[in-house]
Amino acid sequence: MAVMDPRISRNIFEHLPQIIILIKPDDLSVTYINRVTGKYKLEDLLNKPIMNHILPEFKDSYLALIKKVIHQKQSGEMDLSVPSSANPSNMEWFKNHLIPLLGADGELELVLSVSENITVQKFAERDVIIKQRNLEAIINNTDDIIISIDRNRKLIEFNEVFRKLLRQTHKSEVAKGEDVLLYIDPSKHERYKAIYERIFAGEKIIDIEEFSRKDLPSFFFEASFNPLYNHQNEIYGITIYTRNITERMLHDRKLKLALDEKEVLLSEIHHRIKNNLAVISSMLQIQAHCNKSPEISSLLETTTLRIKSAAIVHELLYEQKQFNSISVKTFLSALLEEIRKTFSSESLKILISGTDFNLSLDRAVPFALLMNELYTNAFKHSFPNGAHGTIETTTGISEKRCWISLSDDGIPFPADIGKETIETVGIILLHTFIKQLDGKMEFRPGQPKEIYLSFPFE
């Protein structure tokens, strides 16, 4: 076998990026070094014990390692740091490999030390460790359960809350790599498998589950399932955040119960208002029947209809169990039926069409009184003495305004209709109610004649 020229091997060693050192096994002195780094000089190292140049924090570990290499004639390695050559206040890290060099007789002649600079790798690992610790601090500084699983449902990570919970519920220690279904009620396995499949398909899911306890109140957990992506944007797992929301759910239930109680109370209030108005209407009707003056009787009947129109609003609110608004078309149908009964006008044809809309309670009452005046006038003056004809109402919404068209083919409007100089009670009421609605009212003569109302849509 050819032997390499020592000059060639020395030239190779001196150009290697690693630091090559030969160490005598008896006194651990340095017999060769290809190059020096940091604050060291060649003369400081050659023929000097290698232990002189090992930092105090590594001395015991290094001495134990090199003795093991010498006695067992087996290689070993450890990480060491030395002051940086660029800035002695900083440290450089090296991966140090110790290799026994044996002679032809199998006896140890030298220990070869090969040191590779791993400073960049070391600091990268340190950054990863720091980030990992920060992340652990974050996920453990919460009352929520946080876990992540892979595509085989194996646990990847979990926080201390999850660990403590399983100690309490399963009397066991949880470990990474275990199937998460081990800690889930078997009766719910299929449900959770279906959820996992949806997450692996790219969905994000928030799920609320109620857990019943014998002789104890239920408790609730809200779980947020989100996919985990790798650097190739592929879903490789699921992260699950689970929060105990029992207190919130019980609070919401109390609020709902309180709301239900208030709705019952409001319903009762509207019912009683309607009944009270009905009593007043009945009293006025009795007064009208008993009064011998036709003018007073007519006035009492008109007043009774006005009260009934307001009562219909409260009746609808009570029947619909909706206390903030009423349907316009439903109200108009009920009002027309009440007026028809008052005037005994079975011969009239009544039509209602168009787009329905709702009115809030504060607008419904003036609207009810307004429409009562218009319909009453139509029954009284357009079709006197049971005349035949048609009253048609059309409703709609246009350009953020509600509109109502009230037309009939009865007696035409008086010539002075709509003039501001007219100050009858009916006309004054009409202008008052339309003003409360912030609306407009137009009288359109013709056959059929028409009254057109419009006001802002809520």
Protein backbone atom coordinates (compact mmCIF):
# COMPACT_ATOMS: atom_id res chain seq x y z
CA MET A 1 0.00 0.00 0.00
CA ALA A 2 1.37 3.44 -0.92
CA VAL A 3 1.97 5.88 1.93
CA MET A 4 0.83 9.49 1.44
CA ASP A 5 3.60 12.08 1.60
CA PRO A 6 3.30 13.85 5.01
CA ARG A 7 3.55 17.19 3.24
CA ILE A 8 0.48 16.38 1.17
CA SER A 9 -1.54 15.24 4.16
CA ARG A 10 -0.48 18.33 6.12
CA ASN A 11 -1.55 20.52 3.20
CA ILE A 12 -4.93 18.80 3.10
CA PHE A 13 -5.45 19.19 6.85
CA GLU A 14 -4.55 22.87 6.79
CA HIS A 15 -7.22 23.58 4.16
CA LEU A 16 -10.00 21.64 5.83
CA PRO A 17 -12.75 23.78 7.45
CA GLN A 18 -12.57 21.57 10.56
CA ILE A 19 -9.94 21.98 13.27
CA ILE A 20 -7.77 18.85 13.43
CA ILE A 21 -5.85 18.10 16.65
CA LEU A 22 -3.76 15.09 17.62
CA ILE A 23 -3.65 14.36 21.36
CA LYS A 24 -1.27 12.04 23.22
CA PRO A 25 -3.26 9.65 25.40
CA ASP A 26 -0.84 9.57 28.31
CA ASP A 27 -0.66 13.27 29.23
CA LEU A 28 -3.39 14.64 26.89
CA SER A 29 -0.89 17.04 25.29
CA VAL A 30 -1.38 18.41 21.78
CA THR A 31 1.11 17.05 19.23
CA TYR A 32 -0.50 18.58 16.12
CA ILE A 33 -3.08 21.19 15.17
CA ASN A 34 -3.90 22.25 11.62
CA ARG A 35 -5.00 25.75 12.60
CA VAL A 36 -6.02 27.80 15.59
CA THR A 37 -9.09 29.93 16.25
CA GLY A 38 -10.21 32.58 18.67
CA LYS A 39 -7.64 34.11 21.00
CA TYR A 40 -5.28 31.11 20.82
CA LYS A 41 -1.81 30.98 19.25
CA LEU A 42 -0.06 27.92 17.88
CA GLU A 43 2.68 27.99 20.48
CA ASP A 44 0.08 28.19 23.23
CA LEU A 45 -1.37 24.86 22.14
CA LEU A 46 1.44 22.64 20.88
CA ASN A 47 2.88 20.28 23.48
CA LYS A 48 0.49 21.69 26.07
CA PRO A 49 -2.29 19.69 27.73
CA ILE A 50 -5.54 20.08 25.82
CA MET A 51 -7.32 20.54 29.15
CA ASN A 52 -5.63 23.94 29.56
CA HIS A 53 -7.77 25.27 26.73
CA ILE A 54 -11.13 23.80 27.66
CA LEU A 55 -13.47 26.31 29.31
CA PRO A 56 -14.20 25.56 32.97
CA GLU A 57 -17.87 24.73 32.36
CA PHE A 58 -16.85 21.92 29.96
CA LYS A 59 -13.76 20.51 31.74
CA ASP A 60 -15.43 17.70 33.67
CA SER A 61 -17.53 16.52 30.75
CA TYR A 62 -14.61 16.70 28.29
CA LEU A 63 -12.22 14.86 30.62
CA ALA A 64 -14.79 12.11 31.18
CA LEU A 65 -15.33 11.79 27.43
CA ILE A 66 -11.66 11.62 26.43
CA LYS A 67 -10.90 9.07 29.16
CA LYS A 68 -13.75 6.93 27.86
CA VAL A 69 -12.34 7.17 24.32
CA ILE A 70 -8.88 6.18 25.57
CA HIS A 71 -9.97 3.27 27.74
CA GLN A 72 -12.76 1.88 25.55
CA LYS A 73 -11.07 2.76 22.25
CA GLN A 74 -14.41 4.02 20.94
CA SER A 75 -15.26 7.37 19.37
CA GLY A 76 -17.26 10.03 21.22
CA GLU A 77 -18.50 13.57 20.68
CA MET A 78 -19.69 16.65 22.52
CA ASP A 79 -20.39 20.34 21.88
CA LEU A 80 -17.86 22.93 23.07
CA SER A 81 -17.62 26.70 22.89
CA VAL A 82 -14.62 29.02 22.65
CA PRO A 83 -14.26 32.80 22.44
CA SER A 84 -14.91 34.08 18.91
CA SER A 85 -11.89 35.06 16.78
CA ALA A 86 -13.83 38.06 15.43
CA ASN A 87 -15.08 39.24 18.80
CA PRO A 88 -13.69 37.53 21.92
CA SER A 89 -16.72 38.69 23.94
CA ASN A 90 -18.86 36.39 21.80
CA MET A 91 -18.67 32.63 21.71
CA GLU A 92 -18.29 30.17 18.86
CA TRP A 93 -19.64 26.65 19.09
CA PHE A 94 -17.93 23.50 17.80
CA LYS A 95 -19.04 19.90 17.46
CA ASN A 96 -15.98 17.99 18.78
CA HIS A 97 -15.45 14.41 17.64
CA LEU A 98 -12.84 12.35 19.53
CA ILE A 99 -11.54 9.34 17.57
CA PRO A 100 -9.01 6.76 18.87
CA LEU A 101 -6.11 6.13 16.45
CA LEU A 102 -4.78 2.58 16.88
CA GLY A 103 -1.39 1.20 15.81
CA ALA A 104 -0.73 -2.02 13.94
CA ASP A 105 -0.74 -3.89 17.21
CA GLY A 106 -4.15 -2.55 18.10
CA GLU A 107 -2.84 -0.32 20.83
CA LEU A 108 -3.95 3.30 21.15
CA GLU A 109 -1.34 5.68 19.80
CA LEU A 110 -3.16 9.03 19.52
CA VAL A 111 -6.56 10.60 19.95
CA LEU A 112 -7.79 12.49 16.90
CA SER A 113 -9.94 15.57 17.67
CA VAL A 114 -12.05 16.89 14.80
CA SER A 115 -13.95 20.11 15.61
CA GLU A 116 -16.62 21.47 13.25
CA ASN A 117 -17.95 25.01 13.67
CA ILE A 118 -21.67 24.75 14.43
CA THR A 119 -22.22 28.31 15.69
CA VAL A 120 -24.93 29.13 13.13
CA GLN A 121 -26.68 25.83 13.77
CA LYS A 122 -26.35 26.26 17.52
CA PHE A 123 -27.89 29.73 17.54
CA ALA A 124 -30.63 28.54 15.20
CA GLU A 125 -31.36 25.69 17.61
CA ARG A 126 -31.30 28.17 20.48
CA ASP A 127 -33.80 30.39 18.66
CA VAL A 128 -36.02 27.39 18.06
CA ILE A 129 -35.80 26.43 21.73
CA ILE A 130 -36.59 30.00 22.81
CA LYS A 131 -39.56 30.14 20.46
CA GLN A 132 -40.69 26.72 21.65
CA ARG A 133 -40.48 27.82 25.29
CA ASN A 134 -42.32 31.06 24.53
CA LEU A 135 -45.01 29.11 22.73
CA GLU A 136 -45.28 26.67 25.63
CA ALA A 137 -45.55 29.60 28.03
CA ILE A 138 -48.37 31.05 25.94
CA ILE A 139 -50.38 27.84 25.54
CA ASN A 140 -49.90 26.94 29.20
CA ASN A 141 -50.89 30.40 30.43
CA THR A 142 -54.55 29.81 29.66
CA ASP A 143 -57.53 27.94 31.04
CA ASP A 144 -58.33 26.59 27.57
CA ILE A 145 -57.45 23.08 26.39
CA ILE A 146 -55.07 23.22 23.42
CA ILE A 147 -54.03 20.12 21.49
CA SER A 148 -52.90 19.25 17.97
CA ILE A 149 -53.24 15.93 16.18
CA ASP A 150 -51.91 14.49 12.92
CA ARG A 151 -53.83 12.77 10.12
CA ASN A 152 -53.85 9.53 12.11
CA ARG A 153 -55.42 11.36 15.08
CA LYS A 154 -52.18 10.97 17.04
CA LEU A 155 -51.35 13.67 19.58
CA ILE A 156 -48.63 16.04 18.38
CA GLU A 157 -48.76 18.67 21.12
CA PHE A 158 -50.89 19.48 24.14
CA ASN A 159 -50.81 21.94 27.02
CA GLU A 160 -50.79 21.46 30.77
CA VAL A 161 -54.54 22.05 31.05
CA PHE A 162 -55.14 18.98 28.89
CA ARG A 163 -52.61 16.96 30.89
CA LYS A 164 -54.19 17.91 34.24
CA LEU A 165 -57.71 17.25 32.95
CA LEU A 166 -56.79 13.71 31.93
CA ARG A 167 -55.14 13.10 35.28
CA GLN A 168 -58.47 13.95 36.91
CA THR A 169 -60.80 12.20 34.48
CA HIS A 170 -58.75 9.18 33.32
CA LYS A 171 -56.31 8.85 36.23
CA SER A 172 -53.48 8.50 33.70
CA GLU A 173 -50.67 10.39 32.05
CA VAL A 174 -51.14 11.45 28.45
CA ALA A 175 -48.29 11.02 25.97
CA LYS A 176 -47.50 12.31 22.50
CA GLY A 177 -48.27 9.80 19.75
CA GLU A 178 -51.39 8.43 21.44
CA ASP A 179 -54.72 8.33 19.60
CA VAL A 180 -56.85 11.24 20.82
CA LEU A 181 -59.93 9.00 20.64
CA LEU A 182 -58.57 7.15 23.67
CA TYR A 183 -59.72 10.13 25.73
CA ILE A 184 -63.13 10.62 24.07
CA ASP A 185 -66.36 8.81 24.93
CA PRO A 186 -66.63 5.87 22.44
CA SER A 187 -70.25 6.83 21.72
CA LYS A 188 -68.94 10.09 20.20
CA HIS A 189 -66.13 8.65 18.09
CA GLU A 190 -68.06 8.71 14.82
CA ARG A 191 -69.12 12.29 15.43
CA TYR A 192 -65.55 13.45 15.97
CA LYS A 193 -64.22 11.39 13.05
CA ALA A 194 -66.71 13.22 10.82
CA ILE A 195 -65.50 16.58 12.18
CA TYR A 196 -61.85 15.63 11.59
CA GLU A 197 -62.63 14.64 8.00
CA ARG A 198 -64.18 18.05 7.36
CA ILE A 199 -61.11 19.82 8.81
CA PHE A 200 -58.75 17.77 6.65
CA ALA A 201 -60.88 18.88 3.71
CA GLY A 202 -60.05 22.51 4.61
CA GLU A 203 -62.98 23.59 6.79
CA LYS A 204 -62.82 25.52 10.05
CA ILE A 205 -65.42 24.48 12.61
CA ILE A 206 -66.66 25.81 15.94
CA ASP A 207 -68.61 23.19 17.86
CA ILE A 208 -70.49 23.53 21.16
CA GLU A 209 -71.20 20.38 23.14
CA GLU A 210 -73.22 19.84 26.30
CA PHE A 211 -72.10 17.28 28.85
CA SER A 212 -74.71 15.97 31.27
CA ARG A 213 -73.87 14.96 34.83
CA LYS A 214 -76.04 12.89 37.14
CA ASP A 215 -77.68 15.04 39.81
CA LEU A 216 -75.49 17.98 38.76
CA PRO A 217 -75.94 20.84 36.27
CA SER A 218 -74.68 20.27 32.73
CA PHE A 219 -71.48 21.87 31.57
CA PHE A 220 -70.61 23.15 28.11
CA PHE A 221 -67.45 23.22 25.99
CA GLU A 222 -66.82 25.19 22.83
CA ALA A 223 -64.20 23.63 20.53
CA SER A 224 -62.54 25.43 17.63
CA PHE A 225 -61.07 23.09 14.98
CA ASN A 226 -58.53 24.53 12.52
CA PRO A 227 -56.30 22.84 9.92
CA LEU A 228 -52.49 22.85 10.30
CA TYR A 229 -50.48 23.49 7.11
CA ASN A 230 -46.91 22.53 6.25
CA HIS A 231 -44.45 24.54 4.11
CA GLN A 232 -46.05 23.07 0.97
CA ASN A 233 -49.46 24.37 2.08
CA GLU A 234 -50.69 20.84 2.69
CA ILE A 235 -52.88 20.01 5.68
CA TYR A 236 -50.96 17.66 7.94
CA GLY A 237 -52.90 18.02 11.19
CA ILE A 238 -55.54 19.77 13.27
CA THR A 239 -55.22 22.21 16.13
CA ILE A 240 -58.08 22.16 18.63
CA TYR A 241 -58.86 24.91 21.14
CA THR A 242 -61.47 23.88 23.70
CA ARG A 243 -62.95 26.35 26.17
CA ASN A 244 -65.30 25.78 29.09
CA ILE A 245 -68.25 28.08 28.37
CA THR A 246 -70.58 26.76 31.07
CA GLU A 247 -70.74 30.11 32.84
CA ARG A 248 -71.50 31.92 29.59
CA MET A 249 -74.19 29.42 28.55
CA LEU A 250 -75.87 29.55 31.95
CA HIS A 251 -75.74 33.36 31.80
CA ASP A 252 -77.28 33.28 28.29
CA ARG A 253 -80.01 30.97 29.54
CA LYS A 254 -80.79 33.34 32.39
CA LEU A 255 -80.94 36.23 29.91
CA LYS A 256 -83.24 34.25 27.63
CA LEU A 257 -85.46 33.35 30.58
CA ALA A 258 -85.56 37.01 31.62
CA LEU A 259 -86.34 37.99 28.02
CA ASP A 260 -89.11 35.40 27.81
CA GLU A 261 -90.57 36.75 31.04
CA LYS A 262 -90.46 40.30 29.65
CA GLU A 263 -92.12 39.15 26.44
CA VAL A 264 -94.90 37.54 28.46
CA LEU A 265 -95.25 40.77 30.43
CA LEU A 266 -95.33 42.88 27.24
CA SER A 267 -97.86 40.50 25.74
CA GLU A 268 -100.04 40.88 28.82
CA ILE A 269 -99.67 44.67 28.71
CA HIS A 270 -100.80 44.84 25.06
CA HIS A 271 -103.64 42.45 25.83
CA ARG A 272 -104.82 44.60 28.73
CA ILE A 273 -104.52 47.82 26.72
CA LYS A 274 -106.61 46.24 23.97
CA ASN A 275 -109.19 45.09 26.54
CA ASN A 276 -109.30 48.50 28.21
CA LEU A 277 -109.79 50.21 24.85
CA ALA A 278 -112.51 47.67 24.06
CA VAL A 279 -114.29 48.57 27.32
CA ILE A 280 -114.09 52.28 26.44
CA SER A 281 -115.40 51.54 22.93
CA SER A 282 -118.31 49.55 24.35
CA MET A 283 -119.18 52.37 26.72
CA LEU A 284 -119.18 54.86 23.85
CA GLN A 285 -121.32 52.54 21.72
CA ILE A 286 -123.86 52.21 24.53
CA GLN A 287 -123.85 56.00 24.89
CA ALA A 288 -124.39 56.39 21.16
CA HIS A 289 -127.36 54.00 21.14
CA CYS A 290 -128.93 55.67 24.12
CA ASN A 291 -128.45 59.21 22.84
CA LYS A 292 -131.41 60.71 20.95
CA SER A 293 -129.30 63.23 19.02
CA PRO A 294 -128.18 61.88 15.61
CA GLU A 295 -125.22 64.29 15.55
CA ILE A 296 -123.95 63.17 18.96
CA SER A 297 -124.51 59.50 18.11
CA SER A 298 -122.52 59.91 14.89
CA LEU A 299 -119.73 61.66 16.76
CA LEU A 300 -119.62 58.87 19.36
CA GLU A 301 -119.50 56.22 16.63
CA THR A 302 -116.60 58.03 14.93
CA THR A 303 -114.74 58.29 18.22
CA THR A 304 -115.39 54.60 18.88
CA LEU A 305 -113.81 53.65 15.54
CA ARG A 306 -110.77 55.78 16.35
CA ILE A 307 -110.32 53.93 19.62
CA LYS A 308 -110.85 50.57 17.93
CA SER A 309 -108.18 51.36 15.32
CA ALA A 310 -105.64 51.87 18.12
CA ALA A 311 -106.92 48.72 19.86
CA ILE A 312 -106.32 46.67 16.69
CA VAL A 313 -102.62 47.64 16.82
CA HIS A 314 -102.28 46.25 20.35
CA GLU A 315 -104.32 43.17 19.45
CA LEU A 316 -101.99 42.36 16.54
CA LEU A 317 -98.92 42.87 18.71
CA TYR A 318 -100.39 40.46 21.25
CA GLU A 319 -101.44 37.82 18.72
CA GLN A 320 -98.19 37.93 16.70
CA LYS A 321 -95.96 37.81 19.82
CA GLN A 322 -93.96 40.51 18.06
CA PHE A 323 -93.89 43.62 20.16
CA ASN A 324 -91.90 46.06 18.07
CA SER A 325 -93.78 46.17 14.75
CA ILE A 326 -96.93 45.17 12.88
CA SER A 327 -97.67 44.10 9.31
CA VAL A 328 -99.39 46.92 7.40
CA LYS A 329 -101.52 44.65 5.23
CA THR A 330 -102.63 42.54 8.20
CA PHE A 331 -103.61 45.68 10.08
CA LEU A 332 -105.51 47.19 7.14
CA SER A 333 -107.52 43.96 6.69
CA ALA A 334 -108.50 43.95 10.37
CA LEU A 335 -109.37 47.66 10.36
CA LEU A 336 -111.51 47.45 7.22
CA GLU A 337 -113.40 44.48 8.65
CA GLU A 338 -114.15 46.45 11.84
CA ILE A 339 -115.34 49.50 9.88
CA ARG A 340 -117.46 47.36 7.55
CA LYS A 341 -119.24 45.86 10.59
CA THR A 342 -119.85 49.33 12.03
CA PHE A 343 -121.46 50.61 8.83
CA SER A 344 -123.09 47.30 7.85
CA SER A 345 -121.69 47.72 4.34
CA GLU A 346 -121.73 44.18 3.01
CA SER A 347 -122.37 45.51 -0.49
CA LEU A 348 -118.89 47.08 -0.77
CA LYS A 349 -116.06 45.19 -2.44
CA ILE A 350 -112.79 45.63 -0.54
CA LEU A 351 -109.43 44.86 -2.14
CA ILE A 352 -105.90 44.98 -0.62
CA SER A 353 -102.81 44.31 -2.73
CA GLY A 354 -99.15 45.27 -3.12
CA THR A 355 -95.94 44.79 -1.16
CA ASP A 356 -96.29 44.38 2.58
CA PHE A 357 -94.05 46.18 5.07
CA ASN A 358 -93.86 46.57 8.83
CA LEU A 359 -94.33 49.62 11.02
CA SER A 360 -92.77 50.11 14.44
CA LEU A 361 -95.04 50.62 17.42
CA ASP A 362 -94.38 54.38 17.67
CA ARG A 363 -95.46 54.80 14.02
CA ALA A 364 -98.20 52.17 14.00
CA VAL A 365 -100.60 54.12 16.22
CA PRO A 366 -100.62 57.40 14.21
CA PHE A 367 -100.79 55.28 11.03
CA ALA A 368 -103.77 53.37 12.43
CA LEU A 369 -105.61 56.58 13.32
CA LEU A 370 -104.80 58.08 9.91
CA MET A 371 -106.13 55.08 7.98
CA ASN A 372 -109.20 54.93 10.20
CA GLU A 373 -110.07 58.53 9.24
CA LEU A 374 -109.58 57.83 5.52
CA TYR A 375 -111.58 54.58 5.49
CA THR A 376 -114.34 56.00 7.66
CA ASN A 377 -114.71 58.95 5.29
CA ALA A 378 -114.85 56.56 2.33
CA PHE A 379 -117.61 54.47 3.91
CA LYS A 380 -119.54 57.55 5.06
CA HIS A 381 -119.20 59.94 2.14
CA SER A 382 -118.26 57.88 -0.94
CA PHE A 383 -120.86 55.14 -0.43
CA PRO A 384 -123.72 56.52 1.67
CA ASN A 385 -126.84 54.50 2.46
CA GLY A 386 -125.30 51.12 1.55
CA ALA A 387 -124.31 52.07 -2.01
CA HIS A 388 -122.41 49.48 -4.06
CA GLY A 389 -118.78 49.99 -5.11
CA THR A 390 -115.16 49.10 -4.58
CA ILE A 391 -112.55 50.35 -2.13
CA GLU A 392 -109.03 49.32 -3.20
CA THR A 393 -105.85 49.71 -1.19
CA THR A 394 -102.40 49.16 -2.69
CA THR A 395 -99.20 49.17 -0.62
CA GLY A 396 -95.58 49.38 -1.71
CA ILE A 397 -92.02 50.57 -1.16
CA SER A 398 -90.15 52.80 -3.59
CA GLU A 399 -86.87 54.73 -3.19
CA LYS A 400 -86.71 54.18 0.59
CA ARG A 401 -90.28 55.40 1.05
CA CYS A 402 -93.43 53.47 1.91
CA TRP A 403 -96.53 54.40 -0.05
CA ILE A 404 -100.23 53.58 0.14
CA SER A 405 -102.80 54.25 -2.54
CA LEU A 406 -106.42 54.36 -1.36
CA SER A 407 -108.93 54.56 -4.24
CA ASP A 408 -112.66 54.07 -4.66
CA ASP A 409 -115.29 54.49 -7.38
CA GLY A 410 -117.81 56.23 -5.14
CA ILE A 411 -118.94 59.88 -4.99
CA PRO A 412 -116.14 62.22 -6.21
CA PHE A 413 -114.13 64.47 -3.88
CA PRO A 414 -115.57 67.84 -2.96
CA ALA A 415 -114.08 70.68 -5.01
CA ASP A 416 -112.22 72.13 -2.01
CA ILE A 417 -110.69 68.81 -0.81
CA GLY A 418 -107.11 69.13 0.35
CA LYS A 419 -107.18 72.90 0.79
CA GLU A 420 -105.41 74.06 3.96
CA THR A 421 -108.26 76.50 4.71
CA ILE A 422 -110.57 73.58 5.58
CA GLU A 423 -110.47 73.02 9.33
CA THR A 424 -112.89 70.20 10.10
CA VAL A 425 -111.94 67.79 12.87
CA GLY A 426 -111.30 65.01 10.34
CA ILE A 427 -109.00 67.13 8.15
CA ILE A 428 -107.08 68.44 11.17
CA LEU A 429 -106.56 64.88 12.38
CA LEU A 430 -105.40 63.75 8.93
CA HIS A 431 -102.75 66.47 8.75
CA THR A 432 -101.70 65.76 12.35
CA PHE A 433 -101.20 62.03 11.79
CA ILE A 434 -99.39 62.38 8.44
CA LYS A 435 -97.07 64.91 10.06
CA GLN A 436 -96.28 62.44 12.84
CA LEU A 437 -95.25 59.97 10.13
CA ASP A 438 -93.11 62.66 8.45
CA GLY A 439 -95.12 61.90 5.33
CA LYS A 440 -97.08 63.45 2.49
CA MET A 441 -100.72 63.13 1.44
CA GLU A 442 -102.16 63.87 -2.01
CA PHE A 443 -105.80 63.95 -3.08
CA ARG A 444 -106.11 62.87 -6.73
CA PRO A 445 -109.56 63.50 -8.28
CA GLY A 446 -110.83 61.30 -11.06
CA GLN A 447 -112.74 58.10 -11.44
CA PRO A 448 -111.82 56.25 -9.41
CA LYS A 449 -110.55 58.98 -7.12
CA GLU A 450 -107.38 58.36 -5.11
CA ILE A 451 -105.64 59.41 -1.91
CA TYR A 452 -101.87 58.81 -2.10
CA LEU A 453 -99.78 58.61 1.08
CA SER A 454 -96.01 58.28 1.38
CA PHE A 455 -93.53 58.41 4.29
CA PRO A 456 -89.93 57.32 4.95
CA PHE A 457 -89.20 53.59 5.23
CA GLU A 458 -87.63 52.57 8.54
